[in-house]
């Protein structure tokens, strides 16, 4: 099925996707329609253009591939499946995701992975190719986030307050040193080969999707951020902001 979304209201587009029996759906001229692939399962959806907020919200096993950028809340409360963005993602990418995988070729905005958590046998994963904004992994309680810094000139490919409120899961940053403003409940170490074993399959898939050199990515160090159970909830948000 092929849909020209140029003049379609998002509700009509949603109905076309929801009720078609076709496995593969191509959406052309997407111009900000929100909630595409809402609760979708068992479909492959290709989007040419820019989908609006909450792409793949509650998605349950479909594959969505965007040839362009995506707006806020990609994969909001996603259960399973895969979302691929051949560009940038807006704020709150992976908001409360509890399964599935999100691949962002370039940058993600603020609060990527906020409230992300593992649910039963599902373990959500977000791979960001270049940079992420402030509050990456805010209140993260499970899953894996990795920021690769492939085209950044910054020493550390994330903004301020990374891991604030984090109580579970892991963050892998491809850089030589951790962020300077980590909260006290976060432990930062250089990732070992054993640590990287669970990340490697996702990096390989990222490279396959976007045509990136796997060996070049893995030739650089990764910093691993994890919560320190002894310090959980002992530091407040504002303690990291240095407001005077």
Protein backbone atom coordinates (compact mmCIF):
# COMPACT_ATOMS: atom_id res chain seq x y z
CA UNK A 1 0.00 0.00 0.00
CA UNK A 2 1.26 3.49 -0.88
CA UNK A 3 -0.23 6.64 0.66
CA UNK A 4 0.28 10.27 -0.30
CA UNK A 5 0.01 11.98 3.09
CA UNK A 6 0.36 15.54 1.78
CA UNK A 7 -3.29 16.54 2.33
CA UNK A 8 -4.31 13.91 4.88
CA UNK A 9 -5.41 14.65 8.45
CA UNK A 10 -3.48 12.48 10.89
CA UNK A 11 -6.64 10.59 11.92
CA UNK A 12 -7.37 9.56 8.34
CA UNK A 13 -3.76 8.48 7.85
CA UNK A 14 -3.97 6.43 11.04
CA UNK A 15 -7.10 4.67 9.78
CA UNK A 16 -5.46 3.75 6.48
CA UNK A 17 -2.52 2.23 8.34
CA UNK A 18 -4.59 0.52 11.01
CA UNK A 19 -7.12 -1.20 8.75
CA UNK A 20 -5.11 -2.20 5.70
CA UNK A 21 -4.26 -5.88 5.40
CA UNK A 22 -1.03 -5.07 3.59
CA UNK A 23 2.19 -5.86 5.43
CA UNK A 24 4.26 -3.06 3.85
CA UNK A 25 3.02 0.52 3.75
CA UNK A 26 4.87 3.45 2.17
CA UNK A 27 3.90 6.98 3.20
CA UNK A 28 5.02 9.76 0.86
CA UNK A 29 5.02 13.53 1.50
CA UNK A 30 4.63 13.17 5.26
CA UNK A 31 4.34 16.67 6.74
CA UNK A 32 4.02 16.38 10.51
CA UNK A 33 1.12 13.97 10.95
CA UNK A 34 1.33 12.74 14.51
CA UNK A 35 0.94 9.32 16.12
CA UNK A 36 1.82 7.39 12.97
CA UNK A 37 1.99 3.63 13.69
CA UNK A 38 0.10 4.13 16.97
CA UNK A 39 -0.26 0.67 18.58
CA UNK A 40 0.84 -0.91 15.31
CA UNK A 41 1.88 -4.56 15.11
CA UNK A 42 2.89 -6.85 12.28
CA UNK A 43 3.55 -4.12 9.69
CA UNK A 44 6.50 -2.48 7.95
CA UNK A 45 5.95 1.25 7.50
CA UNK A 46 8.27 3.37 5.36
CA UNK A 47 7.93 7.13 5.76
CA UNK A 48 9.28 9.68 3.30
CA UNK A 49 9.16 13.08 4.95
CA UNK A 50 8.82 14.29 8.54
CA UNK A 51 6.41 12.51 10.88
CA UNK A 52 4.98 14.49 13.80
CA UNK A 53 5.02 13.84 17.53
CA UNK A 54 4.64 10.38 19.08
CA UNK A 55 5.73 8.29 16.10
CA UNK A 56 5.25 4.63 17.07
CA UNK A 57 3.49 5.34 20.36
CA UNK A 58 2.48 2.06 22.05
CA UNK A 59 3.91 0.22 19.02
CA UNK A 60 3.87 -3.52 19.47
CA UNK A 61 6.13 -5.21 16.96
CA UNK A 62 6.01 -3.26 13.71
CA UNK A 63 9.04 -1.84 11.87
CA UNK A 64 9.04 1.88 11.01
CA UNK A 65 11.73 3.49 8.86
CA UNK A 66 11.84 7.26 8.34
CA UNK A 67 13.80 8.79 5.48
CA UNK A 68 14.03 12.22 7.04
CA UNK A 69 13.79 13.70 10.53
CA UNK A 70 11.24 12.91 13.26
CA UNK A 71 9.70 15.19 15.87
CA UNK A 72 9.24 14.66 19.63
CA UNK A 73 8.42 11.48 21.58
CA UNK A 74 9.50 8.89 19.01
CA UNK A 75 8.59 5.47 20.44
CA UNK A 76 6.49 6.87 23.31
CA UNK A 77 5.63 3.88 25.56
CA UNK A 78 6.77 1.51 22.82
CA UNK A 79 6.36 -2.18 23.67
CA UNK A 80 8.35 -3.87 20.90
CA UNK A 81 9.45 -3.44 17.31
CA UNK A 82 11.96 -1.18 15.60
CA UNK A 83 12.09 2.50 14.61
CA UNK A 84 14.82 3.75 12.27
CA UNK A 85 15.38 7.48 11.72
CA UNK A 86 17.65 8.48 8.79
CA UNK A 87 18.13 11.95 10.27
CA UNK A 88 17.48 13.60 13.65
CA UNK A 89 14.92 12.88 16.37
CA UNK A 90 13.33 15.55 18.56
CA UNK A 91 12.98 15.65 22.34
CA UNK A 92 11.98 12.71 24.58
CA UNK A 93 12.92 10.02 22.08
CA UNK A 94 12.01 6.67 23.66
CA UNK A 95 9.82 8.27 26.34
CA UNK A 96 8.81 5.50 28.76
CA UNK A 97 9.73 2.83 26.20
CA UNK A 98 9.56 -0.65 27.68
CA UNK A 99 10.79 -2.65 24.69
CA UNK A 100 11.92 -2.40 21.10
CA UNK A 101 14.85 -0.66 19.42
CA UNK A 102 15.26 2.89 18.14
CA UNK A 103 18.10 3.82 15.78
CA UNK A 104 18.77 7.53 15.14
CA UNK A 105 21.41 8.19 12.49
CA UNK A 106 22.36 11.69 13.70
CA UNK A 107 21.17 13.67 16.73
CA UNK A 108 18.48 13.38 19.39
CA UNK A 109 17.08 16.28 21.41
CA UNK A 110 16.59 16.66 25.16
CA UNK A 111 15.51 13.89 27.51
CA UNK A 112 16.10 10.90 25.23
CA UNK A 113 15.29 7.72 27.15
CA UNK A 114 13.35 9.49 29.91
CA UNK A 115 11.49 6.94 32.08
CA UNK A 116 12.70 4.11 29.84
CA UNK A 117 12.45 0.73 31.57
CA UNK A 118 12.75 -3.00 31.06
CA UNK A 119 9.39 -4.78 30.99
CA UNK A 120 9.18 -8.56 31.47
CA UNK A 121 11.38 -10.08 28.74
CA UNK A 122 11.64 -6.84 26.72
CA UNK A 123 14.66 -4.57 27.06
CA UNK A 124 14.45 -1.24 25.17
CA UNK A 125 17.48 0.08 23.29
CA UNK A 126 18.25 3.51 21.80
CA UNK A 127 21.30 4.04 19.58
CA UNK A 128 22.08 7.67 18.66
CA UNK A 129 24.77 8.18 16.05
CA UNK A 130 26.02 11.65 16.86
CA UNK A 131 24.88 13.76 19.84
CA UNK A 132 22.08 13.89 22.41
CA UNK A 133 20.77 16.91 24.32
CA UNK A 134 20.61 17.48 28.06
CA UNK A 135 18.96 15.09 30.53
CA UNK A 136 19.78 11.97 28.52
CA UNK A 137 18.47 8.94 30.44
CA UNK A 138 16.54 11.08 32.93
CA UNK A 139 14.83 8.72 35.41
CA UNK A 140 15.91 5.76 33.27
CA UNK A 141 15.02 2.50 35.01
CA UNK A 142 16.14 -0.08 32.46
CA UNK A 143 17.30 -0.71 28.94
CA UNK A 144 20.35 0.53 27.04
CA UNK A 145 21.17 3.93 25.59
CA UNK A 146 24.28 4.58 23.52
CA UNK A 147 25.50 7.84 21.99
CA UNK A 148 28.28 7.38 19.45
CA UNK A 149 29.49 10.93 18.74
CA UNK A 150 30.39 10.05 15.15
CA UNK A 151 30.46 13.59 13.76
CA UNK A 152 30.76 15.75 16.84
CA UNK A 153 33.60 18.11 17.70
CA UNK A 154 32.69 17.87 21.39
CA UNK A 155 34.71 15.75 23.80
CA UNK A 156 31.50 14.31 25.25
CA UNK A 157 28.52 13.82 22.92
CA UNK A 158 25.76 14.70 25.43
CA UNK A 159 24.41 17.83 27.09
CA UNK A 160 24.04 18.63 30.78
CA UNK A 161 22.60 16.49 33.58
CA UNK A 162 23.04 13.12 31.90
CA UNK A 163 21.49 10.33 33.99
CA UNK A 164 19.66 12.60 36.44
CA UNK A 165 17.30 10.42 38.48
CA UNK A 166 18.60 7.25 36.80
CA UNK A 167 17.81 4.11 38.81
CA UNK A 168 18.42 1.29 36.33
CA UNK A 169 19.69 0.39 32.91
CA UNK A 170 22.94 1.41 31.20
CA UNK A 171 24.24 4.35 29.18
CA UNK A 172 27.23 3.86 26.86
CA UNK A 173 28.94 7.05 25.68
CA UNK A 174 31.61 6.75 22.99
CA UNK A 175 34.22 9.11 24.44
CA UNK A 176 37.30 9.10 26.65
CA UNK A 177 35.85 10.61 29.82
CA UNK A 178 32.48 10.91 31.54
CA UNK A 179 30.42 14.11 31.74
CA UNK A 180 31.70 16.42 34.48
CA UNK A 181 28.28 17.07 36.03
CA UNK A 182 27.11 13.51 36.68
CA UNK A 183 24.83 13.19 39.71
CA UNK A 184 26.11 11.28 42.73
CA UNK A 185 23.93 8.24 42.06
CA UNK A 186 25.79 7.48 38.82
CA UNK A 187 28.94 5.36 38.58
CA UNK A 188 31.11 5.97 35.50
CA UNK A 189 33.68 3.43 34.33
CA UNK A 190 35.52 2.64 31.12
CA UNK A 191 33.48 -0.07 29.42
CA UNK A 192 35.26 -3.41 29.23
CA UNK A 193 34.99 -5.91 26.40
CA UNK A 194 32.58 -7.90 28.57
CA UNK A 195 30.46 -4.78 29.13
CA UNK A 196 30.33 -4.13 25.38
CA UNK A 197 29.15 -7.61 24.45
CA UNK A 198 25.49 -6.70 24.90
CA UNK A 199 25.93 -3.46 22.94
CA UNK A 200 27.85 -4.87 19.96
CA UNK A 201 24.85 -6.49 18.16
CA UNK A 202 23.04 -3.13 18.13
CA UNK A 203 26.12 -1.27 16.89
CA UNK A 204 26.47 -3.83 14.11
CA UNK A 205 22.86 -3.32 13.11
CA UNK A 206 23.30 0.47 13.22
CA UNK A 207 26.27 0.12 10.86
CA UNK A 208 24.35 -2.18 8.52
CA UNK A 209 21.38 0.20 8.36
CA UNK A 210 23.31 3.42 7.85
CA UNK A 211 26.43 2.15 6.06
CA UNK A 212 28.86 3.00 8.86
CA UNK A 213 32.22 1.36 9.62
CA UNK A 214 31.83 -0.95 12.62
CA UNK A 215 35.56 -1.31 13.28
CA UNK A 216 36.04 2.46 13.27
CA UNK A 217 33.28 2.86 15.86
CA UNK A 218 34.64 0.14 18.12
CA UNK A 219 38.21 1.44 17.90
CA UNK A 220 37.38 4.19 20.37
CA UNK A 221 36.68 3.88 24.11
CA UNK A 222 33.21 3.82 25.62
CA UNK A 223 32.26 5.19 29.03
CA UNK A 224 29.63 3.15 30.86
CA UNK A 225 27.19 4.91 33.19
CA UNK A 226 25.19 2.92 35.70
CA UNK A 227 23.28 3.80 38.87
CA UNK A 228 24.97 3.36 42.22
CA UNK A 229 22.41 1.69 44.47
CA UNK A 230 23.99 3.22 47.58
CA UNK A 231 23.35 6.74 46.31
CA UNK A 232 19.95 6.33 44.65
CA UNK A 233 17.55 9.18 45.39
CA UNK A 234 20.12 10.93 47.59
CA UNK A 235 20.70 13.81 45.19
CA UNK A 236 18.13 16.27 43.97
CA UNK A 237 17.72 17.55 40.40
CA UNK A 238 18.69 21.08 41.25
CA UNK A 239 21.99 20.04 42.81
CA UNK A 240 23.48 19.65 39.33
CA UNK A 241 22.37 22.97 37.89
CA UNK A 242 24.68 25.28 39.86
CA UNK A 243 22.07 28.03 39.93
CA UNK A 244 23.14 31.11 41.87
